[in-house]
Amino acid sequence: MLIGIDASRATREQRTGTEGYSLHLIRALLELDQHNEYVLYFNRPPRPGLFPASPRWRARVMPCPRLWTHVRLSLEMLAAPPDVLFVPAHVLPIVHPRRSVVTVHDLGYRHEPQAHRPLDRLYLELSTRYNARAASQVIADSAATKRDLVQLYGTDPQRITVVPLGVDELFQPVNDAARLAAVRAQYGIPGDYLLYVGTLQPRKNLVRLIEAWNKIRNSNFEIRNWVLVIAGKRGWLYEEIFATVQRLGLEGQVLFPGYVPEEDLPALLSGATAFVLPSLYEGFGLPVLEAMACGTPVIAANVASLPEVVGDAGLLVDPLDTDALAAAMQRLLTDAAPSTPLRASLRAELRQRGLARAKLFSWPRCAWETLAVLKNAQKLT
């Protein structure tokens, strides 16, 4: 079987969750599958070494300044279609093989429309609806996303397979004090910190996170030198996030180091007192999994897919309840204070649960389950 993959999103240098998914999944497929042939479609040449060397795959680089998917990739599908086309992080081209598989990561724009710009929301609505209708098989990151596809778009549940994401082996606890100190210095973090990692956009609920941090700072709790670190590149409608810090006078107490490359994330996660993801909606929530794999206690929203990923390995809170979010953060900060008795602390318990939970998710497992969907699509008449 010849499997064609739209790998255009995997070449991004500053990858978000869906782009990282595309890269790690393609790598795992190429490493594990010894029976099928692959052609990877790119709109720009991938850097050397980005994918494992193997005679079982080849690159098809097709530069095109505009409309690469619907024009250039469609022309390729007309001229030399693969047996199955897989689109892991984008939209199916208008012209595509009858046997096509697409991954739908989330329908957050339907749940939180105000968190998206109108044109972005329209694009997401049209492209996701089209993907759900046109693909012969659909992969969903979570049961929550599958449920949304069925309820909101009427997609046949028999055409949807839930395949959880994996966590890269890079994400392991970092215990080297010198490495932890170096990363703190590199990103201007003066001492202990709570951490968020992800794109800066309204759906991530960062305004409430900052307001919850302000509640802690204004309480009687002794916060020492802790700071809140919000790491990630700016997305859409991010201005209110920075305005909230200024409005509350939290300059120097809330830090924005910007995008953090993947190679620095394990140390940044390992050094955090806790990782916080209060998103209003997540199709999966990969940063939560990466934090657990590094042994970092997790606080996450109790909505959408996040309870599926976290299980009993973290604290789940209502993302709309700022007081509950502040209480959860303060609970872990209190647990980390020097005055805490020497006992089996909550942070230690969450660390062990998180490490065990993270082992249930891997890119090889994701690749094998994805390959099963591709094989099933190839059998369709």
Protein backbone atom coordinates (compact mmCIF):
# COMPACT_ATOMS: atom_id res chain seq x y z
CA MET A 1 0.00 0.00 0.00
CA LEU A 2 1.23 3.50 -0.87
CA ILE A 3 0.28 5.97 1.87
CA GLY A 4 0.44 9.66 1.04
CA ILE A 5 0.71 12.12 3.95
CA ASP A 6 0.29 15.88 3.93
CA ALA A 7 3.44 16.68 5.92
CA SER A 8 3.38 20.42 5.27
CA ARG A 9 2.57 21.28 8.90
CA ALA A 10 5.34 19.07 10.30
CA THR A 11 8.11 21.32 8.97
CA ARG A 12 7.19 24.37 11.06
CA GLU A 13 10.04 25.48 13.31
CA GLN A 14 7.75 26.90 16.01
CA ARG A 15 5.22 24.09 16.25
CA THR A 16 1.92 24.22 18.08
CA GLY A 17 0.11 21.09 19.27
CA THR A 18 -1.33 19.97 15.93
CA GLU A 19 1.95 20.58 14.12
CA GLY A 20 3.87 18.64 16.78
CA TYR A 21 1.31 15.84 16.44
CA SER A 22 1.95 15.73 12.71
CA LEU A 23 5.72 15.55 13.12
CA HIS A 24 5.85 12.95 15.91
CA LEU A 25 3.20 10.72 14.34
CA ILE A 26 4.84 10.73 10.92
CA ARG A 27 8.21 9.92 12.49
CA ALA A 28 6.69 7.01 14.42
CA LEU A 29 4.93 5.65 11.33
CA LEU A 30 8.14 5.72 9.28
CA GLU A 31 10.11 4.02 12.07
CA LEU A 32 7.60 1.27 12.84
CA ASP A 33 5.93 0.36 9.55
CA GLN A 34 8.12 -2.07 7.58
CA HIS A 35 5.50 -3.10 5.03
CA ASN A 36 4.01 -0.04 3.37
CA GLU A 37 5.47 2.69 1.19
CA TYR A 38 5.07 6.38 2.00
CA VAL A 39 5.20 9.64 0.08
CA LEU A 40 5.31 12.82 2.13
CA TYR A 41 4.01 15.99 0.52
CA PHE A 42 5.74 19.26 1.44
CA ASN A 43 5.29 22.88 0.41
CA ARG A 44 8.92 23.57 1.38
CA PRO A 45 11.91 21.22 1.73
CA PRO A 46 12.18 19.65 5.22
CA ARG A 47 15.42 20.25 7.03
CA PRO A 48 17.88 17.31 6.90
CA GLY A 49 17.31 14.73 9.63
CA LEU A 50 13.79 15.86 10.46
CA PHE A 51 12.50 12.39 9.53
CA PRO A 52 14.25 9.01 9.94
CA ALA A 53 16.20 7.73 6.96
CA SER A 54 14.44 4.83 5.25
CA PRO A 55 14.06 3.52 1.70
CA ARG A 56 10.34 3.08 2.37
CA TRP A 57 9.50 6.77 2.03
CA ARG A 58 10.21 9.62 -0.34
CA ALA A 59 9.60 13.34 -0.24
CA ARG A 60 7.52 15.19 -2.81
CA VAL A 61 8.32 18.89 -2.47
CA MET A 62 5.87 21.10 -4.32
CA PRO A 63 6.43 24.83 -3.74
CA CYS A 64 3.38 26.97 -4.31
CA PRO A 65 2.97 30.54 -3.00
CA ARG A 66 -0.80 30.36 -2.48
CA LEU A 67 -3.56 27.78 -2.15
CA TRP A 68 -1.03 24.95 -1.83
CA THR A 69 -3.56 22.45 -0.50
CA HIS A 70 -6.50 23.00 -2.82
CA VAL A 71 -4.49 23.75 -5.97
CA ARG A 72 -1.03 22.17 -5.86
CA LEU A 73 -1.83 19.15 -3.72
CA SER A 74 -5.08 18.62 -5.64
CA LEU A 75 -3.11 18.55 -8.91
CA GLU A 76 -0.79 15.94 -7.39
CA MET A 77 -3.80 13.84 -6.39
CA LEU A 78 -5.02 13.98 -9.99
CA ALA A 79 -1.65 13.06 -11.47
CA ALA A 80 -0.37 10.44 -9.01
CA PRO A 81 -2.83 9.57 -6.24
CA PRO A 82 -1.66 7.29 -3.41
CA ASP A 83 -3.72 4.31 -2.28
CA VAL A 84 -4.67 6.26 0.86
CA LEU A 85 -4.21 9.94 1.64
CA PHE A 86 -3.72 10.95 5.29
CA VAL A 87 -4.04 14.57 6.44
CA PRO A 88 -2.97 14.77 10.11
CA ALA A 89 -3.07 18.50 10.77
CA HIS A 90 -4.84 20.42 8.04
CA VAL A 91 -7.69 20.09 5.55
CA LEU A 92 -8.29 17.60 2.74
CA PRO A 93 -7.55 19.00 -0.73
CA ILE A 94 -10.60 19.50 -2.92
CA VAL A 95 -9.35 16.72 -5.18
CA HIS A 96 -8.45 13.70 -3.06
CA PRO A 97 -8.53 9.91 -3.33
CA ARG A 98 -11.76 8.22 -2.33
CA ARG A 99 -9.80 6.52 0.44
CA SER A 100 -8.77 9.49 2.56
CA VAL A 101 -8.23 9.80 6.31
CA VAL A 102 -8.14 13.06 8.25
CA THR A 103 -7.54 13.87 11.91
CA VAL A 104 -9.96 16.29 13.55
CA HIS A 105 -8.30 17.68 16.66
CA ASP A 106 -11.10 19.69 18.23
CA LEU A 107 -14.27 21.73 17.70
CA GLY A 108 -13.43 24.38 20.25
CA TYR A 109 -14.68 27.13 17.95
CA ARG A 110 -18.20 25.74 18.34
CA HIS A 111 -18.01 25.69 22.14
CA GLU A 112 -16.17 29.00 22.58
CA PRO A 113 -16.97 31.09 19.47
CA GLN A 114 -16.12 34.36 21.25
CA ALA A 115 -12.55 33.14 21.66
CA HIS A 116 -11.95 33.22 17.90
CA ARG A 117 -11.83 35.98 15.33
CA PRO A 118 -14.82 35.84 12.95
CA LEU A 119 -12.80 34.88 9.87
CA ASP A 120 -10.82 32.25 11.79
CA ARG A 121 -14.07 30.82 13.15
CA LEU A 122 -15.58 30.71 9.66
CA TYR A 123 -12.52 28.95 8.26
CA LEU A 124 -12.50 26.38 11.07
CA GLU A 125 -16.21 25.75 10.66
CA LEU A 126 -16.01 25.24 6.90
CA SER A 127 -12.80 23.20 6.87
CA THR A 128 -13.77 20.90 9.75
CA ARG A 129 -17.28 20.32 8.41
CA TYR A 130 -15.74 19.54 5.01
CA ASN A 131 -13.19 17.15 6.55
CA ALA A 132 -15.87 15.31 8.50
CA ARG A 133 -18.02 14.91 5.39
CA ALA A 134 -15.39 14.19 2.72
CA ALA A 135 -12.98 11.81 4.48
CA SER A 136 -13.71 8.11 4.27
CA GLN A 137 -12.36 7.70 7.82
CA VAL A 138 -11.90 10.28 10.58
CA ILE A 139 -9.45 10.11 13.49
CA ALA A 140 -10.33 12.02 16.67
CA ASP A 141 -7.81 12.79 19.40
CA SER A 142 -10.34 12.10 22.15
CA ALA A 143 -13.78 10.74 22.89
CA ALA A 144 -14.84 14.35 23.50
CA THR A 145 -13.98 15.31 19.92
CA LYS A 146 -15.71 12.21 18.55
CA ARG A 147 -18.81 13.11 20.54
CA ASP A 148 -18.73 16.64 19.12
CA LEU A 149 -18.43 15.37 15.54
CA VAL A 150 -21.45 13.12 15.99
CA GLN A 151 -23.60 15.67 17.80
CA LEU A 152 -22.69 18.83 15.90
CA TYR A 153 -22.07 17.53 12.37
CA GLY A 154 -23.98 14.27 12.34
CA THR A 155 -20.87 12.28 11.40
CA ASP A 156 -21.41 8.53 11.41
CA PRO A 157 -19.70 7.27 14.59
CA GLN A 158 -18.64 4.14 12.69
CA ARG A 159 -16.39 6.35 10.55
CA ILE A 160 -14.64 7.89 13.58
CA THR A 161 -11.82 6.23 15.50
CA VAL A 162 -10.42 7.71 18.71
CA VAL A 163 -6.62 7.57 18.72
CA PRO A 164 -4.99 9.31 21.72
CA LEU A 165 -1.81 11.26 21.18
CA GLY A 166 1.57 10.22 22.52
CA VAL A 167 4.33 11.87 24.49
CA ASP A 168 7.87 12.04 23.15
CA GLU A 169 10.65 10.23 25.04
CA LEU A 170 12.32 13.64 25.39
CA PHE A 171 9.83 14.42 28.16
CA GLN A 172 11.30 12.88 31.30
CA PRO A 173 12.04 14.29 34.75
CA VAL A 174 15.10 16.52 34.78
CA ASN A 175 16.86 16.32 38.16
CA ASP A 176 20.14 18.03 37.29
CA ALA A 177 20.16 21.20 39.42
CA ALA A 178 22.58 22.95 37.06
CA ARG A 179 20.34 22.28 34.05
CA LEU A 180 17.25 23.48 35.91
CA ALA A 181 19.05 26.66 37.00
CA ALA A 182 20.32 27.28 33.47
CA VAL A 183 16.83 27.11 31.99
CA ARG A 184 15.47 29.44 34.65
CA ALA A 185 18.23 31.91 33.88
CA GLN A 186 17.73 31.57 30.13
CA TYR A 187 14.06 32.55 30.39
CA GLY A 188 14.46 35.15 33.12
CA ILE A 189 12.73 33.22 35.92
CA PRO A 190 14.08 34.44 39.28
CA GLY A 191 12.96 31.58 41.53
CA ASP A 192 10.11 29.13 42.07
CA TYR A 193 7.27 29.25 39.57
CA LEU A 194 3.96 27.89 38.36
CA LEU A 195 3.88 27.25 34.64
CA TYR A 196 1.54 27.40 31.66
CA VAL A 197 2.73 26.38 28.19
CA GLY A 198 0.68 26.93 25.05
CA THR A 199 -0.48 29.52 22.55
CA LEU A 200 -1.62 32.83 24.01
CA GLN A 201 -5.26 33.08 22.94
CA PRO A 202 -8.67 33.50 24.64
CA ARG A 203 -9.61 29.80 24.57
CA LYS A 204 -6.73 29.06 26.94
CA ASN A 205 -8.49 31.10 29.67
CA LEU A 206 -5.34 32.96 30.64
CA VAL A 207 -7.14 36.08 31.86
CA ARG A 208 -8.81 34.02 34.59
CA LEU A 209 -5.50 32.33 35.36
CA ILE A 210 -3.89 35.72 35.92
CA GLU A 211 -6.85 36.88 38.02
CA ALA A 212 -6.58 33.70 40.12
CA TRP A 213 -2.88 34.41 40.63
CA ASN A 214 -3.76 37.91 41.76
CA LYS A 215 -6.22 36.50 44.31
CA ILE A 216 -3.45 34.37 45.80
CA ARG A 217 -1.07 37.32 45.97
CA ASN A 218 -3.72 39.44 47.72
CA SER A 219 -4.59 36.75 50.26
CA ASN A 220 -2.85 36.08 53.55
CA PHE A 221 -0.93 33.22 51.95
CA GLU A 222 2.85 33.62 52.09
CA ILE A 223 3.77 33.37 48.42
CA ARG A 224 7.57 33.84 48.86
CA ASN A 225 9.27 34.48 45.52
CA TRP A 226 6.97 32.41 43.31
CA VAL A 227 6.04 33.82 39.92
CA LEU A 228 3.54 32.72 37.28
CA VAL A 229 5.22 31.88 33.95
CA ILE A 230 3.03 31.94 30.84
CA ALA A 231 5.13 30.50 28.01
CA GLY A 232 4.10 30.36 24.37
CA LYS A 233 3.82 32.39 21.22
CA ARG A 234 1.11 34.96 20.71
CA GLY A 235 -2.00 33.73 18.93
CA TRP A 236 -5.12 35.69 18.10
CA LEU A 237 -6.85 38.17 20.43
CA TYR A 238 -3.99 37.97 22.94
CA GLU A 239 -4.03 41.67 23.88
CA GLU A 240 -6.37 41.29 26.85
CA ILE A 241 -3.93 38.87 28.49
CA PHE A 242 -1.19 41.49 28.70
CA ALA A 243 -3.69 44.22 29.57
CA THR A 244 -4.86 42.15 32.57
CA VAL A 245 -1.33 41.98 33.95
CA GLN A 246 -1.01 45.75 33.67
CA ARG A 247 -4.48 46.37 35.13
CA LEU A 248 -3.69 44.25 38.19
CA GLY A 249 -0.18 45.61 38.61
CA LEU A 250 1.44 42.19 38.21
CA GLU A 251 4.42 43.20 36.09
CA GLY A 252 7.34 41.11 37.30
CA GLN A 253 4.95 38.65 38.98
CA VAL A 254 3.62 37.21 35.69
CA LEU A 255 6.33 36.46 33.13
CA PHE A 256 5.98 35.92 29.38
CA PRO A 257 9.16 34.26 28.05
CA GLY A 258 7.61 33.65 24.61
CA TYR A 259 7.88 30.48 22.57
CA VAL A 260 9.99 27.77 24.23
CA PRO A 261 11.60 25.21 21.87
CA GLU A 262 10.87 21.58 22.57
CA GLU A 263 14.40 20.81 23.72
CA ASP A 264 14.04 23.24 26.65
CA LEU A 265 10.57 22.15 27.73
CA PRO A 266 11.50 19.08 29.86
CA ALA A 267 13.72 21.18 32.13
CA LEU A 268 11.23 24.05 32.24
CA LEU A 269 8.41 21.63 33.14
CA SER A 270 10.51 19.68 35.64
CA GLY A 271 11.48 22.81 37.51
CA ALA A 272 7.91 24.07 37.96
CA THR A 273 6.08 23.73 41.26
CA ALA A 274 2.98 22.88 39.21
CA PHE A 275 1.70 23.04 35.65
CA VAL A 276 -1.63 24.78 35.04
CA LEU A 277 -3.87 24.39 31.97
CA PRO A 278 -7.24 26.10 32.65
CA SER A 279 -8.44 25.94 29.03
CA LEU A 280 -12.10 26.43 28.22
CA TYR A 281 -11.79 23.65 25.63
CA GLU A 282 -9.08 21.21 24.51
CA GLY A 283 -9.28 18.49 21.90
CA PHE A 284 -6.59 16.61 23.80
CA GLY A 285 -4.28 18.82 25.88
CA LEU A 286 -0.81 17.54 24.99
CA PRO A 287 1.05 19.95 27.36
CA VAL A 288 -0.71 18.28 30.32
CA LEU A 289 0.63 14.90 29.22
CA GLU A 290 4.14 16.31 28.73
CA ALA A 291 4.04 17.84 32.22
CA MET A 292 2.98 14.55 33.80
CA ALA A 293 5.76 12.74 31.93
CA CYS A 294 8.24 15.17 33.55
CA GLY A 295 6.83 14.45 37.02
CA THR A 296 5.22 17.88 37.40
CA PRO A 297 1.92 18.09 39.36
CA VAL A 298 -0.93 19.19 37.10
CA ILE A 299 -3.95 21.45 37.53
CA ALA A 300 -6.32 21.27 34.57
CA ALA A 301 -9.83 22.27 33.58
CA ASN A 302 -12.53 19.66 34.13
CA VAL A 303 -14.01 20.11 30.64
CA ALA A 304 -13.85 18.49 27.19
CA SER A 305 -10.96 16.01 26.76
CA LEU A 306 -8.80 17.02 29.72
CA PRO A 307 -10.37 14.59 32.24
CA GLU A 308 -9.67 11.78 29.72
CA VAL A 309 -5.98 12.65 29.68
CA VAL A 310 -5.46 13.56 33.34
CA GLY A 311 -7.55 10.81 34.92
CA ASP A 312 -6.88 10.80 38.68
CA ALA A 313 -3.32 12.08 38.22
CA GLY A 314 -4.07 15.80 38.66
CA LEU A 315 -6.38 18.38 40.16
CA LEU A 316 -9.40 19.17 37.97
CA VAL A 317 -11.20 22.48 38.40
CA ASP A 318 -14.06 24.42 36.82
CA PRO A 319 -12.28 26.79 34.38
CA LEU A 320 -14.98 29.43 34.88
CA ASP A 321 -14.46 29.49 38.66
CA THR A 322 -11.55 31.79 39.40
CA ASP A 323 -11.77 31.08 43.14
CA ALA A 324 -11.53 27.32 42.54
CA LEU A 325 -8.53 27.81 40.26
CA ALA A 326 -6.82 29.99 42.87
CA ALA A 327 -7.58 27.44 45.60
CA ALA A 328 -6.06 24.59 43.57
CA MET A 329 -2.88 26.57 42.90
CA GLN A 330 -2.61 27.65 46.51
CA ARG A 331 -3.10 24.06 47.63
CA LEU A 332 -0.03 22.93 45.70
CA LEU A 333 1.97 26.00 46.69
CA THR A 334 1.20 25.31 50.35
CA ASP A 335 2.28 21.73 49.83
CA ALA A 336 5.58 22.94 48.40
CA ALA A 337 6.34 25.40 51.21
CA PRO A 338 9.36 24.66 53.44
CA SER A 339 7.11 24.42 56.50
CA THR A 340 5.25 21.43 55.06
CA PRO A 341 5.86 18.39 57.30
CA LEU A 342 7.96 15.57 55.94
CA ARG A 343 5.26 13.24 54.73
CA ALA A 344 3.78 11.81 51.57
CA SER A 345 2.71 15.23 50.22
CA LEU A 346 0.00 15.83 47.64
CA ARG A 347 2.63 17.01 45.15
CA ALA A 348 4.60 13.79 45.62
CA GLU A 349 1.44 11.73 45.16
CA LEU A 350 0.45 13.62 41.99
CA ARG A 351 3.98 13.27 40.66
CA GLN A 352 3.87 9.48 40.94
CA ARG A 353 0.36 9.26 39.53
CA GLY A 354 1.31 11.53 36.64
CA LEU A 355 4.42 9.54 35.75
CA ALA A 356 2.37 6.32 35.72
CA ARG A 357 -0.43 7.93 33.73
CA ALA A 358 1.93 9.31 31.08
CA LYS A 359 3.29 5.83 30.37
CA LEU A 360 -0.12 4.89 28.94
CA PHE A 361 0.42 7.31 26.03
CA SER A 362 3.15 6.90 23.41
CA TRP A 363 3.77 7.84 19.79
CA PRO A 364 4.40 4.19 18.79
CA ARG A 365 0.97 3.29 20.15
CA CYS A 366 -0.54 6.28 18.36
CA ALA A 367 1.22 5.23 15.13
CA TRP A 368 0.02 1.61 15.29
CA GLU A 369 -3.57 2.65 15.95
CA THR A 370 -3.40 5.23 13.17
CA LEU A 371 -1.97 2.65 10.77
CA ALA A 372 -4.89 0.37 11.57
CA VAL A 373 -7.27 3.15 10.46
CA LEU A 374 -5.29 3.69 7.25
CA LYS A 375 -5.40 -0.04 6.48
CA ASN A 376 -9.11 -0.10 7.14
CA ALA A 377 -9.60 2.83 4.75
CA GLN A 378 -7.63 0.99 2.06
CA LYS A 379 -10.10 -1.92 2.27
CA LEU A 380 -13.12 0.27 1.56
CA THR A 381 -14.84 -0.46 -1.72
